[in-house]
PDB file of N, CA and C in Angstrom:
ATOM      1  N   MET A   1       0.707  -1.350   0.390  1.00  0.00           N
ATOM      2  CA  MET A   1      -0.286   0.014   0.584  1.00  0.00           C
ATOM      3  C   MET A   1       0.759   1.438   0.605  1.00  0.00           C
ATOM      4  N   ILE A   2       0.444   2.115  -0.826  1.00  0.00           N
ATOM      5  CA  ILE A   2       1.372   3.797  -0.885  1.00  0.00           C
ATOM      6  C   ILE A   2       0.548   4.452   0.434  1.00  0.00           C
ATOM      7  N   THR A   3       1.654   5.732   0.700  1.00  0.00           N
ATOM      8  CA  THR A   3       1.491   6.694   1.489  1.00  0.00           C
ATOM      9  C   THR A   3       0.677   7.748   0.278  1.00  0.00           C
ATOM     10  N   PRO A   4      -0.126   7.948   1.147  1.00  0.00           N
ATOM     11  CA  PRO A   4      -0.474   9.684   0.691  1.00  0.00           C
ATOM     12  C   PRO A   4       1.013  10.251   0.828  1.00  0.00           C
ATOM     13  N   HIS A   5       2.008  10.173   1.221  1.00  0.00           N
ATOM     14  CA  HIS A   5       3.331  11.145   0.829  1.00  0.00           C
ATOM     15  C   HIS A   5       4.142  10.474  -0.498  1.00  0.00           C
ATOM     16  N   GLU A   6       3.957   9.189  -0.550  1.00  0.00           N
ATOM     17  CA  GLU A   6       4.724   8.303  -1.263  1.00  0.00           C
ATOM     18  C   GLU A   6       3.855   8.599  -2.803  1.00  0.00           C
ATOM     19  N   VAL A   7       2.372   9.206  -3.113  1.00  0.00           N
ATOM     20  CA  VAL A   7       2.071   9.478  -3.732  1.00  0.00           C
ATOM     21  C   VAL A   7       1.757  10.851  -4.505  1.00  0.00           C
ATOM     22  N   THR A   8       1.855  11.588  -3.445  1.00  0.00           N
ATOM     23  CA  THR A   8       2.469  13.066  -3.405  1.00  0.00           C
ATOM     24  C   THR A   8       4.032  13.036  -4.257  1.00  0.00           C
ATOM     25  N   GLN A   9       5.179  12.130  -3.708  1.00  0.00           N
ATOM     26  CA  GLN A   9       6.149  12.281  -4.847  1.00  0.00           C
ATOM     27  C   GLN A   9       6.451  11.453  -5.490  1.00  0.00           C
ATOM     28  N   CYS A  10       5.599  10.764  -5.983  1.00  0.00           N
ATOM     29  CA  CYS A  10       5.225   9.851  -7.790  1.00  0.00           C
ATOM     30  C   CYS A  10       4.736  10.711  -8.316  1.00  0.00           C
ATOM     31  N   LEU A  11       4.401  11.615  -7.920  1.00  0.00           N
ATOM     32  CA  LEU A  11       3.232  12.692  -9.395  1.00  0.00           C
ATOM     33  C   LEU A  11       4.081  13.252  -8.538  1.00  0.00           C
ATOM     34  N   HIS A  12       5.457  14.186  -8.531  1.00  0.00           N
ATOM     35  CA  HIS A  12       6.037  15.173  -8.393  1.00  0.00           C
ATOM     36  C   HIS A  12       7.155  14.315  -9.025  1.00  0.00           C
ATOM     37  N   LEU A  13       7.409  13.399  -9.340  1.00  0.00           N
ATOM     38  CA  LEU A  13       8.470  13.198 -10.032  1.00  0.00           C
ATOM     39  C   LEU A  13       8.434  12.929 -11.189  1.00  0.00           C
ATOM     40  N   ALA A  14       7.675  12.085 -11.572  1.00  0.00           N
ATOM     41  CA  ALA A  14       7.260  11.423 -12.738  1.00  0.00           C
ATOM     42  C   ALA A  14       6.738  12.660 -13.843  1.00  0.00           C
ATOM     43  N   LYS A  15       5.931  13.681 -13.120  1.00  0.00           N
ATOM     44  CA  LYS A  15       5.490  15.152 -13.509  1.00  0.00           C
ATOM     45  C   LYS A  15       7.074  15.916 -14.057  1.00  0.00           C
ATOM     46  N   ALA A  16       8.144  15.959 -13.156  1.00  0.00           N
ATOM     47  CA  ALA A  16       9.511  16.238 -13.746  1.00  0.00           C
ATOM     48  C   ALA A  16       9.835  15.869 -14.459  1.00  0.00           C
ATOM     49  N   LEU A  17      10.224  14.239 -14.400  1.00  0.00           N
ATOM     50  CA  LEU A  17      10.531  13.309 -15.431  1.00  0.00           C
ATOM     51  C   LEU A  17      10.036  13.178 -16.580  1.00  0.00           C
ATOM     52  N   ASP A  18       8.917  14.385 -16.455  1.00  0.00           N
ATOM     53  CA  ASP A  18       7.975  14.074 -18.298  1.00  0.00           C
ATOM     54  C   ASP A  18       7.028  12.925 -18.797  1.00  0.00           C
ATOM     55  N   LEU A  19       7.010  12.090 -17.452  1.00  0.00           N
ATOM     56  CA  LEU A  19       6.460  11.115 -17.392  1.00  0.00           C
ATOM     57  C   LEU A  19       4.560  11.411 -17.953  1.00  0.00           C
ATOM     58  N   ILE A  20       4.687  12.188 -16.913  1.00  0.00           N
ATOM     59  CA  ILE A  20       3.132  11.901 -16.858  1.00  0.00           C
ATOM     60  C   ILE A  20       2.475  13.971 -17.421  1.00  0.00           C
ATOM     61  N   SER A  21       1.178  14.406 -17.924  1.00  0.00           N
ATOM     62  CA  SER A  21       1.166  15.551 -18.003  1.00  0.00           C
ATOM     63  C   SER A  21       0.271  16.278 -16.654  1.00  0.00           C
ATOM     64  N   SER A  22      -0.463  15.046 -16.358  1.00  0.00           N
ATOM     65  CA  SER A  22      -1.394  15.754 -15.598  1.00  0.00           C
ATOM     66  C   SER A  22      -2.278  14.000 -14.893  1.00  0.00           C
ATOM     67  N   SER A  23      -2.927  14.188 -13.486  1.00  0.00           N
ATOM     68  CA  SER A  23      -3.644  13.750 -12.878  1.00  0.00           C
ATOM     69  C   SER A  23      -5.251  14.013 -12.654  1.00  0.00           C
ATOM     70  N   ARG A  24      -5.835  13.517 -12.092  1.00  0.00           N
ATOM     71  CA  ARG A  24      -7.447  13.668 -12.032  1.00  0.00           C
ATOM     72  C   ARG A  24      -8.509  12.013 -11.096  1.00  0.00           C
ATOM     73  N   MET A  25      -8.833  12.878 -10.600  1.00  0.00           N
ATOM     74  CA  MET A  25      -9.259  11.659  -9.590  1.00  0.00           C
ATOM     75  C   MET A  25     -11.239  11.382 -10.027  1.00  0.00           C
ATOM     76  N   VAL A  26     -11.346  10.661 -10.107  1.00  0.00           N
ATOM     77  CA  VAL A  26     -12.663  10.245 -10.909  1.00  0.00           C
ATOM     78  C   VAL A  26     -13.109   8.672 -10.487  1.00  0.00           C
ATOM     79  N   GLY A  27     -14.245   8.645 -10.341  1.00  0.00           N
ATOM     80  CA  GLY A  27     -14.995   7.903  -9.382  1.00  0.00           C
ATOM     81  C   GLY A  27     -14.275   7.535  -8.137  1.00  0.00           C
ATOM     82  N   GLY A  28     -13.669   8.329  -7.962  1.00  0.00           N
ATOM     83  CA  GLY A  28     -12.917   7.478  -6.210  1.00  0.00           C
ATOM     84  C   GLY A  28     -11.555   7.057  -7.014  1.00  0.00           C
ATOM     85  N   ILE A  29     -10.701   6.657  -7.645  1.00  0.00           N
ATOM     86  CA  ILE A  29      -9.980   6.316  -8.387  1.00  0.00           C
ATOM     87  C   ILE A  29      -9.315   7.461  -9.071  1.00  0.00           C
ATOM     88  N   LEU A  30      -7.252   7.625  -8.669  1.00  0.00           N
ATOM     89  CA  LEU A  30      -6.942   8.856  -8.853  1.00  0.00           C
ATOM     90  C   LEU A  30      -6.100   7.985 -10.417  1.00  0.00           C
ATOM     91  N   TYR A  31      -6.503   8.739 -11.470  1.00  0.00           N
ATOM     92  CA  TYR A  31      -5.841   8.308 -12.872  1.00  0.00           C
ATOM     93  C   TYR A  31      -4.719   9.234 -12.756  1.00  0.00           C
ATOM     94  N   VAL A  32      -3.695   8.962 -14.303  1.00  0.00           N
ATOM     95  CA  VAL A  32      -2.571   9.905 -14.703  1.00  0.00           C
ATOM     96  C   VAL A  32      -2.458   9.772 -15.835  1.00  0.00           C
ATOM     97  N   TYR A  33      -2.816  10.879 -16.664  1.00  0.00           N
ATOM     98  CA  TYR A  33      -2.299  11.165 -18.684  1.00  0.00           C
ATOM     99  C   TYR A  33      -1.015  11.011 -18.385  1.00  0.00           C
ATOM    100  N   THR A  34       0.088   9.778 -19.342  1.00  0.00           N
ATOM    101  CA  THR A  34       0.917  10.082 -18.976  1.00  0.00           C
ATOM    102  C   THR A  34       1.087  11.264 -20.430  1.00  0.00           C
ATOM    103  N   VAL A  35       2.596  11.193 -20.932  1.00  0.00           N
ATOM    104  CA  VAL A  35       2.720  12.621 -21.659  1.00  0.00           C
ATOM    105  C   VAL A  35       1.917  11.707 -23.569  1.00  0.00           C
ATOM    106  N   ALA A  36       1.663  10.868 -23.819  1.00  0.00           N
ATOM    107  CA  ALA A  36       1.863   9.689 -24.960  1.00  0.00           C
ATOM    108  C   ALA A  36       0.225   9.514 -25.187  1.00  0.00           C
ATOM    109  N   GLY A  37      -0.705  10.648 -23.863  1.00  0.00           N
ATOM    110  CA  GLY A  37      -1.574  11.022 -24.085  1.00  0.00           C
ATOM    111  C   GLY A  37      -2.739   9.682 -23.271  1.00  0.00           C
ATOM    112  N   GLN A  38      -2.115   8.199 -22.418  1.00  0.00           N
ATOM    113  CA  GLN A  38      -2.815   6.995 -22.016  1.00  0.00           C
ATOM    114  C   GLN A  38      -3.161   7.725 -20.933  1.00  0.00           C
ATOM    115  N   LEU A  39      -4.895   7.078 -20.718  1.00  0.00           N
ATOM    116  CA  LEU A  39      -4.935   7.418 -19.034  1.00  0.00           C
ATOM    117  C   LEU A  39      -4.783   6.094 -17.979  1.00  0.00           C
ATOM    118  N   LYS A  40      -4.003   6.534 -17.085  1.00  0.00           N
ATOM    119  CA  LYS A  40      -3.494   5.020 -16.224  1.00  0.00           C
ATOM    120  C   LYS A  40      -4.109   5.287 -14.912  1.00  0.00           C
ATOM    121  N   PRO A  41      -5.216   4.212 -14.222  1.00  0.00           N
ATOM    122  CA  PRO A  41      -4.641   4.319 -12.455  1.00  0.00           C
ATOM    123  C   PRO A  41      -3.903   4.845 -12.096  1.00  0.00           C
ATOM    124  N   LEU A  42      -3.375   5.468 -10.896  1.00  0.00           N
ATOM    125  CA  LEU A  42      -2.358   5.626 -10.470  1.00  0.00           C
ATOM    126  C   LEU A  42      -1.575   3.652 -10.243  1.00  0.00           C
ATOM    127  N   ASP A  43      -2.536   3.169 -10.092  1.00  0.00           N
ATOM    128  CA  ASP A  43      -1.420   1.359  -9.279  1.00  0.00           C
ATOM    129  C   ASP A  43      -1.143   1.055 -10.506  1.00  0.00           C
ATOM    130  N   HIS A  44      -1.608   1.553 -11.745  1.00  0.00           N
ATOM    131  CA  HIS A  44      -0.788   0.736 -12.937  1.00  0.00           C
ATOM    132  C   HIS A  44       0.642   1.336 -13.382  1.00  0.00           C
ATOM    133  N   PHE A  45       0.355   2.971 -12.794  1.00  0.00           N
ATOM    134  CA  PHE A  45       0.973   3.296 -13.440  1.00  0.00           C
ATOM    135  C   PHE A  45       2.065   3.064 -12.380  1.00  0.00           C
ATOM    136  N   THR A  46       2.282   2.871 -10.735  1.00  0.00           N
ATOM    137  CA  THR A  46       2.946   2.867  -9.708  1.00  0.00           C
ATOM    138  C   THR A  46       4.191   1.530  -9.706  1.00  0.00           C
ATOM    139  N   ALA A  47       2.705   0.897 -10.440  1.00  0.00           N
ATOM    140  CA  ALA A  47       3.174  -0.533 -10.871  1.00  0.00           C
ATOM    141  C   ALA A  47       4.363  -0.426 -11.754  1.00  0.00           C
ATOM    142  N   GLU A  48       4.076   0.069 -13.575  1.00  0.00           N
ATOM    143  CA  GLU A  48       5.679  -0.028 -13.645  1.00  0.00           C
ATOM    144  C   GLU A  48       6.530   1.250 -13.452  1.00  0.00           C
ATOM    145  N   PHE A  49       6.187   2.216 -12.816  1.00  0.00           N
ATOM    146  CA  PHE A  49       7.346   3.316 -12.191  1.00  0.00           C
ATOM    147  C   PHE A  49       7.292   3.462 -10.975  1.00  0.00           C
ATOM    148  N   PRO A  50       7.416   2.358 -10.136  1.00  0.00           N
ATOM    149  CA  PRO A  50       7.264   2.907  -8.167  1.00  0.00           C
ATOM    150  C   PRO A  50       8.721   3.801  -8.185  1.00  0.00           C
ATOM    151  N   LEU A  51       7.937   4.446  -6.976  1.00  0.00           N
ATOM    152  CA  LEU A  51       9.254   5.747  -6.186  1.00  0.00           C
ATOM    153  C   LEU A  51      10.612   5.083  -6.008  1.00  0.00           C
ATOM    154  N   GLU A  52      10.767   4.103  -5.788  1.00  0.00           N
ATOM    155  CA  GLU A  52      12.624   3.949  -5.724  1.00  0.00           C
ATOM    156  C   GLU A  52      13.049   4.203  -7.481  1.00  0.00           C
ATOM    157  N   ARG A  53      11.888   3.821  -8.473  1.00  0.00           N
ATOM    158  CA  ARG A  53      12.609   3.766 -10.015  1.00  0.00           C
ATOM    159  C   ARG A  53      12.536   4.903 -10.285  1.00  0.00           C
ATOM    160  N   LEU A  54      11.740   6.055  -9.813  1.00  0.00           N
ATOM    161  CA  LEU A  54      11.243   7.837 -10.324  1.00  0.00           C
ATOM    162  C   LEU A  54      12.073   8.312  -9.822  1.00  0.00           C
ATOM    163  N   GLN A  55      13.060   7.889  -8.222  1.00  0.00           N
ATOM    164  CA  GLN A  55      14.045   8.715  -7.533  1.00  0.00           C
ATOM    165  C   GLN A  55      15.099   8.366  -8.154  1.00  0.00           C
ATOM    166  N   ALA A  56      15.532   7.126  -8.642  1.00  0.00           N
ATOM    167  CA  ALA A  56      16.831   6.953  -9.249  1.00  0.00           C
ATOM    168  C   ALA A  56      16.726   7.307 -10.942  1.00  0.00           C
ATOM    169  N   MET A  57      15.961   7.071 -10.929  1.00  0.00           N
ATOM    170  CA  MET A  57      15.523   8.234 -12.725  1.00  0.00           C
ATOM    171  C   MET A  57      16.216  10.045 -12.506  1.00  0.00           C
ATOM    172  N   ALA A  58      15.414  10.220 -11.801  1.00  0.00           N
ATOM    173  CA  ALA A  58      15.544  11.971 -11.411  1.00  0.00           C
ATOM    174  C   ALA A  58      17.005  11.682 -10.586  1.00  0.00           C
ATOM    175  N   ARG A  59      17.619  11.072 -10.019  1.00  0.00           N
ATOM    176  CA  ARG A  59      19.087  11.188  -9.826  1.00  0.00           C
ATOM    177  C   ARG A  59      20.158  11.142 -10.884  1.00  0.00           C
ATOM    178  N   LYS A  60      19.660  10.156 -11.935  1.00  0.00           N
ATOM    179  CA  LYS A  60      20.535  10.609 -13.234  1.00  0.00           C
ATOM    180  C   LYS A  60      20.581  11.520 -13.627  1.00  0.00           C
ATOM    181  N   ARG A  61      19.241  12.005 -13.589  1.00  0.00           N
ATOM    182  CA  ARG A  61      19.316  13.994 -14.386  1.00  0.00           C
ATOM    183  C   ARG A  61      20.269  14.790 -13.511  1.00  0.00           C
ATOM    184  N   LEU A  62      20.737  14.727 -12.988  1.00  0.00           N
ATOM    185  CA  LEU A  62      21.123  15.539 -12.242  1.00  0.00           C
ATOM    186  C   LEU A  62      22.241  15.879 -12.332  1.00  0.00           C
TER     187      LEU A  62
END
């Protein structure tokens, strides 16, 4: 289970890394729009890009 703080970190890192363009809540489910225009539930996105992976990607960009 991902904490609210980790959700916030994931969203900010994914946005900074140009992986997502926006997010929205629909029917109680948080969705992200990828830069490719796909709408994905956050849990599917975080399965593909866990917080640790996003953090590593951000470190490489520095």
